[in-house]
């Protein structure tokens, strides 16, 4: 493998919202090719209990968009929402992300394709082990899907706010009560040529050797 190309793919796969090309159709064959790659991801006990709902119907997209918008407003008005003070180094970044999220909320139904990954099973009343196993069996596949999209000139954004109204979304998409939705991904070709690395915390602040807080 070419590490330079691989590293570029991994470090420039962004959450794309404002740069989604809403006027360009997305071919079903492209979605299928990317999902074929996603199915190579590992899953707990190799159960492969994943399902991907590819939403193109305008009325269903509109319904999901309305749920997402409603959830965005609840989130922004929540007292539990994290807000960095103006002098915090990440305050500017937070403002840009929230502006981007509002832009997506306003245009969600115009996105060519919405993808809702699901996993067999329910774990809301289970312990940490069961939750980690179930979510760990679908998240690698979704990330592989997003990487495959990126390599083909398409963007996506991992959103979860619609899960405030999961039951309504399940009725809209006929998702069985035995299955769990894990995300809502808008998918479209992106505008522009490339993406760059995002600002992140220094590695020294998040790496621990042998124990939490351990130094090398």
Protein backbone atom coordinates (compact mmCIF):
# COMPACT_ATOMS: atom_id res chain seq x y z
CA UNK A 1 0.00 0.00 0.00
CA UNK A 2 1.02 3.59 -0.51
CA UNK A 3 1.08 5.04 3.06
CA UNK A 4 0.94 8.61 1.79
CA UNK A 5 -2.31 8.05 -0.12
CA UNK A 6 -3.81 5.97 2.69
CA UNK A 7 -2.91 8.55 5.31
CA UNK A 8 -4.38 11.32 3.17
CA UNK A 9 -7.67 9.44 2.86
CA UNK A 10 -7.83 8.76 6.59
CA UNK A 11 -6.93 12.29 7.66
CA UNK A 12 -9.11 14.19 5.20
CA UNK A 13 -12.39 12.30 5.42
CA UNK A 14 -14.43 15.09 6.95
CA UNK A 15 -18.03 15.56 8.03
CA UNK A 16 -19.27 17.29 4.87
CA UNK A 17 -22.28 19.56 5.21
CA UNK A 18 -21.94 22.88 3.39
CA UNK A 19 -19.96 21.37 0.53
CA UNK A 20 -22.47 18.69 -0.44
CA UNK A 21 -23.46 19.10 -4.09
CA UNK A 22 -27.24 18.96 -3.73
CA UNK A 23 -27.90 19.35 -7.43
CA UNK A 24 -25.91 16.35 -8.67
CA UNK A 25 -27.55 12.91 -8.59
CA UNK A 26 -25.80 10.02 -6.89
CA UNK A 27 -25.78 6.81 -8.91
CA UNK A 28 -27.15 3.72 -7.09
CA UNK A 29 -24.16 1.76 -8.38
CA UNK A 30 -21.79 4.02 -6.45
CA UNK A 31 -23.71 3.47 -3.21
CA UNK A 32 -23.70 -0.27 -3.80
CA UNK A 33 -19.96 -0.34 -4.52
CA UNK A 34 -19.22 1.54 -1.30
CA UNK A 35 -21.51 -0.71 0.73
CA UNK A 36 -19.80 -3.80 -0.71
CA UNK A 37 -16.59 -2.42 0.80
CA UNK A 38 -18.37 -1.66 4.08
CA UNK A 39 -19.47 -5.29 4.38
CA UNK A 40 -15.82 -6.32 4.71
CA UNK A 41 -15.63 -4.65 8.13
CA UNK A 42 -15.41 -6.84 11.25
CA UNK A 43 -18.42 -7.50 13.47
CA UNK A 44 -18.91 -9.14 16.85
CA UNK A 45 -18.83 -12.96 16.54
CA UNK A 46 -18.95 -12.35 12.77
CA UNK A 47 -22.73 -11.97 13.02
CA UNK A 48 -22.86 -9.31 10.30
CA UNK A 49 -26.21 -8.10 11.61
CA UNK A 50 -26.02 -4.82 9.75
CA UNK A 51 -28.61 -3.27 7.44
CA UNK A 52 -28.38 -0.07 5.39
CA UNK A 53 -31.52 1.81 4.37
CA UNK A 54 -30.75 3.92 1.30
CA UNK A 55 -33.43 6.62 1.17
CA UNK A 56 -34.11 8.31 -2.17
CA UNK A 57 -37.88 8.82 -1.95
CA UNK A 58 -38.60 12.53 -1.57
CA UNK A 59 -41.39 12.13 0.99
CA UNK A 60 -39.31 9.90 3.24
CA UNK A 61 -36.34 12.25 2.94
CA UNK A 62 -38.61 15.12 3.89
CA UNK A 63 -39.90 13.19 6.89
CA UNK A 64 -36.39 12.41 8.12
CA UNK A 65 -35.34 16.02 7.56
CA UNK A 66 -38.23 17.27 9.67
CA UNK A 67 -37.25 14.93 12.52
CA UNK A 68 -33.64 16.06 12.22
CA UNK A 69 -34.60 19.75 12.30
CA UNK A 70 -36.78 19.21 15.33
CA UNK A 71 -33.93 17.42 17.10
CA UNK A 72 -31.43 20.16 16.19
CA UNK A 73 -33.62 22.78 17.86
CA UNK A 74 -34.00 20.63 20.98
CA UNK A 75 -30.23 20.15 21.07
CA UNK A 76 -29.40 23.85 20.70
CA UNK A 77 -31.88 24.77 23.43
CA UNK A 78 -30.71 22.05 25.84
CA UNK A 79 -29.10 23.06 29.12
CA UNK A 80 -26.76 20.08 28.73
CA UNK A 81 -25.29 21.37 25.47
CA UNK A 82 -21.56 22.02 25.76
CA UNK A 83 -20.72 25.66 25.04
CA UNK A 84 -17.11 26.82 25.05
CA UNK A 85 -16.49 30.35 26.43
CA UNK A 86 -15.50 32.99 23.89
CA UNK A 87 -11.84 32.90 24.92
CA UNK A 88 -11.60 29.11 24.63
CA UNK A 89 -9.33 27.95 21.76
CA UNK A 90 -12.13 25.75 20.39
CA UNK A 91 -14.89 28.37 20.55
CA UNK A 92 -14.40 29.46 16.94
CA UNK A 93 -14.39 25.87 15.75
CA UNK A 94 -17.63 25.19 17.65
CA UNK A 95 -19.32 28.17 16.04
CA UNK A 96 -18.34 26.95 12.56
CA UNK A 97 -19.61 23.44 13.28
CA UNK A 98 -22.95 24.73 14.58
CA UNK A 99 -23.37 26.96 11.54
CA UNK A 100 -22.62 23.97 9.34
CA UNK A 101 -25.11 21.82 11.26
CA UNK A 102 -27.86 24.41 10.82
CA UNK A 103 -27.10 24.62 7.10
CA UNK A 104 -27.48 20.85 6.81
CA UNK A 105 -30.68 20.87 8.83
CA UNK A 106 -32.20 23.42 6.48
CA UNK A 107 -31.28 21.43 3.35
CA UNK A 108 -31.39 17.81 4.52
CA UNK A 109 -34.28 16.78 2.26
CA UNK A 110 -32.45 18.19 -0.77
CA UNK A 111 -29.58 15.75 -0.31
CA UNK A 112 -29.63 13.15 -3.12
CA UNK A 113 -29.36 10.17 -0.76
CA UNK A 114 -29.85 9.61 2.96
CA UNK A 115 -28.43 6.42 4.44
CA UNK A 116 -29.64 5.01 7.76
CA UNK A 117 -27.38 2.21 9.09
CA UNK A 118 -29.10 -0.25 11.41
CA UNK A 119 -27.97 -3.21 13.50
CA UNK A 120 -29.95 -6.21 14.66
CA UNK A 121 -30.71 -6.09 18.39
CA UNK A 122 -31.63 -3.60 21.10
CA UNK A 123 -29.30 -2.70 23.97
CA UNK A 124 -30.79 0.38 25.64
CA UNK A 125 -31.56 -1.71 28.74
CA UNK A 126 -28.33 -3.72 28.64
CA UNK A 127 -24.92 -3.19 30.20
CA UNK A 128 -21.73 -1.73 28.80
CA UNK A 129 -20.50 -5.03 27.34
CA UNK A 130 -23.64 -5.60 25.27
CA UNK A 131 -23.73 -2.00 24.10
CA UNK A 132 -20.06 -2.02 23.09
CA UNK A 133 -20.52 -5.29 21.20
CA UNK A 134 -23.59 -4.15 19.26
CA UNK A 135 -22.34 -0.69 18.32
CA UNK A 136 -18.86 -2.05 17.68
CA UNK A 137 -20.41 -4.39 15.13
CA UNK A 138 -21.81 -1.59 12.95
CA UNK A 139 -19.61 1.48 13.41
CA UNK A 140 -16.55 0.04 11.57
CA UNK A 141 -18.75 -0.78 8.58
CA UNK A 142 -20.25 2.72 8.49
CA UNK A 143 -16.80 4.32 8.70
CA UNK A 144 -15.58 2.08 5.85
CA UNK A 145 -18.59 3.23 3.84
CA UNK A 146 -17.70 6.88 4.47
CA UNK A 147 -14.07 6.28 3.49
CA UNK A 148 -15.16 4.53 0.30
CA UNK A 149 -17.42 7.47 -0.53
CA UNK A 150 -14.58 9.92 0.05
CA UNK A 151 -12.26 8.03 -2.30
CA UNK A 152 -14.89 8.36 -5.05
CA UNK A 153 -15.48 12.08 -4.65
CA UNK A 154 -18.55 11.89 -2.40
CA UNK A 155 -19.03 13.37 1.03
CA UNK A 156 -21.12 12.42 4.03
CA UNK A 157 -21.66 13.44 7.63
CA UNK A 158 -22.24 11.19 10.60
CA UNK A 159 -25.34 12.58 12.33
CA UNK A 160 -27.33 11.05 15.18
CA UNK A 161 -29.73 13.77 16.36
CA UNK A 162 -32.73 12.22 14.60
CA UNK A 163 -32.43 9.38 17.12
CA UNK A 164 -34.22 11.61 19.62
CA UNK A 165 -37.22 10.54 17.57
CA UNK A 166 -36.09 7.05 16.63
CA UNK A 167 -39.54 5.49 16.88
CA UNK A 168 -41.00 8.04 14.45
CA UNK A 169 -38.13 7.41 12.04
CA UNK A 170 -38.65 3.67 12.40
CA UNK A 171 -42.31 4.00 11.42
CA UNK A 172 -41.34 6.17 8.46
CA UNK A 173 -38.81 3.60 7.20
CA UNK A 174 -40.54 0.41 8.41
CA UNK A 175 -37.59 -0.50 10.64
CA UNK A 176 -38.43 -3.54 12.80
CA UNK A 177 -38.64 -2.94 16.54
CA UNK A 178 -35.88 -5.52 16.97
CA UNK A 179 -33.36 -3.35 15.10
CA UNK A 180 -31.44 -0.26 16.20
CA UNK A 181 -30.76 2.76 14.02
CA UNK A 182 -27.29 4.14 14.67
CA UNK A 183 -26.94 7.18 12.40
CA UNK A 184 -28.33 9.27 9.55
CA UNK A 185 -25.84 10.00 6.77
CA UNK A 186 -26.53 12.57 4.06
CA UNK A 187 -24.61 11.48 0.95
CA UNK A 188 -23.72 13.56 -2.10
CA UNK A 189 -20.82 14.45 -4.33
CA UNK A 190 -18.81 17.24 -2.76
CA UNK A 191 -17.80 20.54 -4.26
CA UNK A 192 -14.18 21.63 -4.50
CA UNK A 193 -11.11 19.51 -5.02
CA UNK A 194 -9.93 18.28 -1.64
CA UNK A 195 -10.11 18.53 2.14
CA UNK A 196 -7.42 19.21 4.69
CA UNK A 197 -6.62 17.92 8.15
CA UNK A 198 -8.79 19.23 10.95
CA UNK A 199 -7.47 20.83 14.15
CA UNK A 200 -7.18 18.22 16.87
CA UNK A 201 -5.88 17.97 20.43
CA UNK A 202 -2.14 17.24 20.68
CA UNK A 203 -1.41 13.52 20.89
CA UNK A 204 0.40 14.01 24.20
CA UNK A 205 -2.90 15.01 25.82
CA UNK A 206 -4.73 11.82 24.90
CA UNK A 207 -2.11 9.06 24.86
CA UNK A 208 -1.52 7.01 28.02
CA UNK A 209 1.16 4.33 28.46
CA UNK A 210 0.28 1.20 30.49
CA UNK A 211 -2.26 3.07 32.68
CA UNK A 212 -4.39 6.20 32.55
CA UNK A 213 -1.96 9.08 32.95
CA UNK A 214 1.06 6.84 32.35
CA UNK A 215 4.08 8.34 30.58
CA UNK A 216 6.32 6.64 28.07
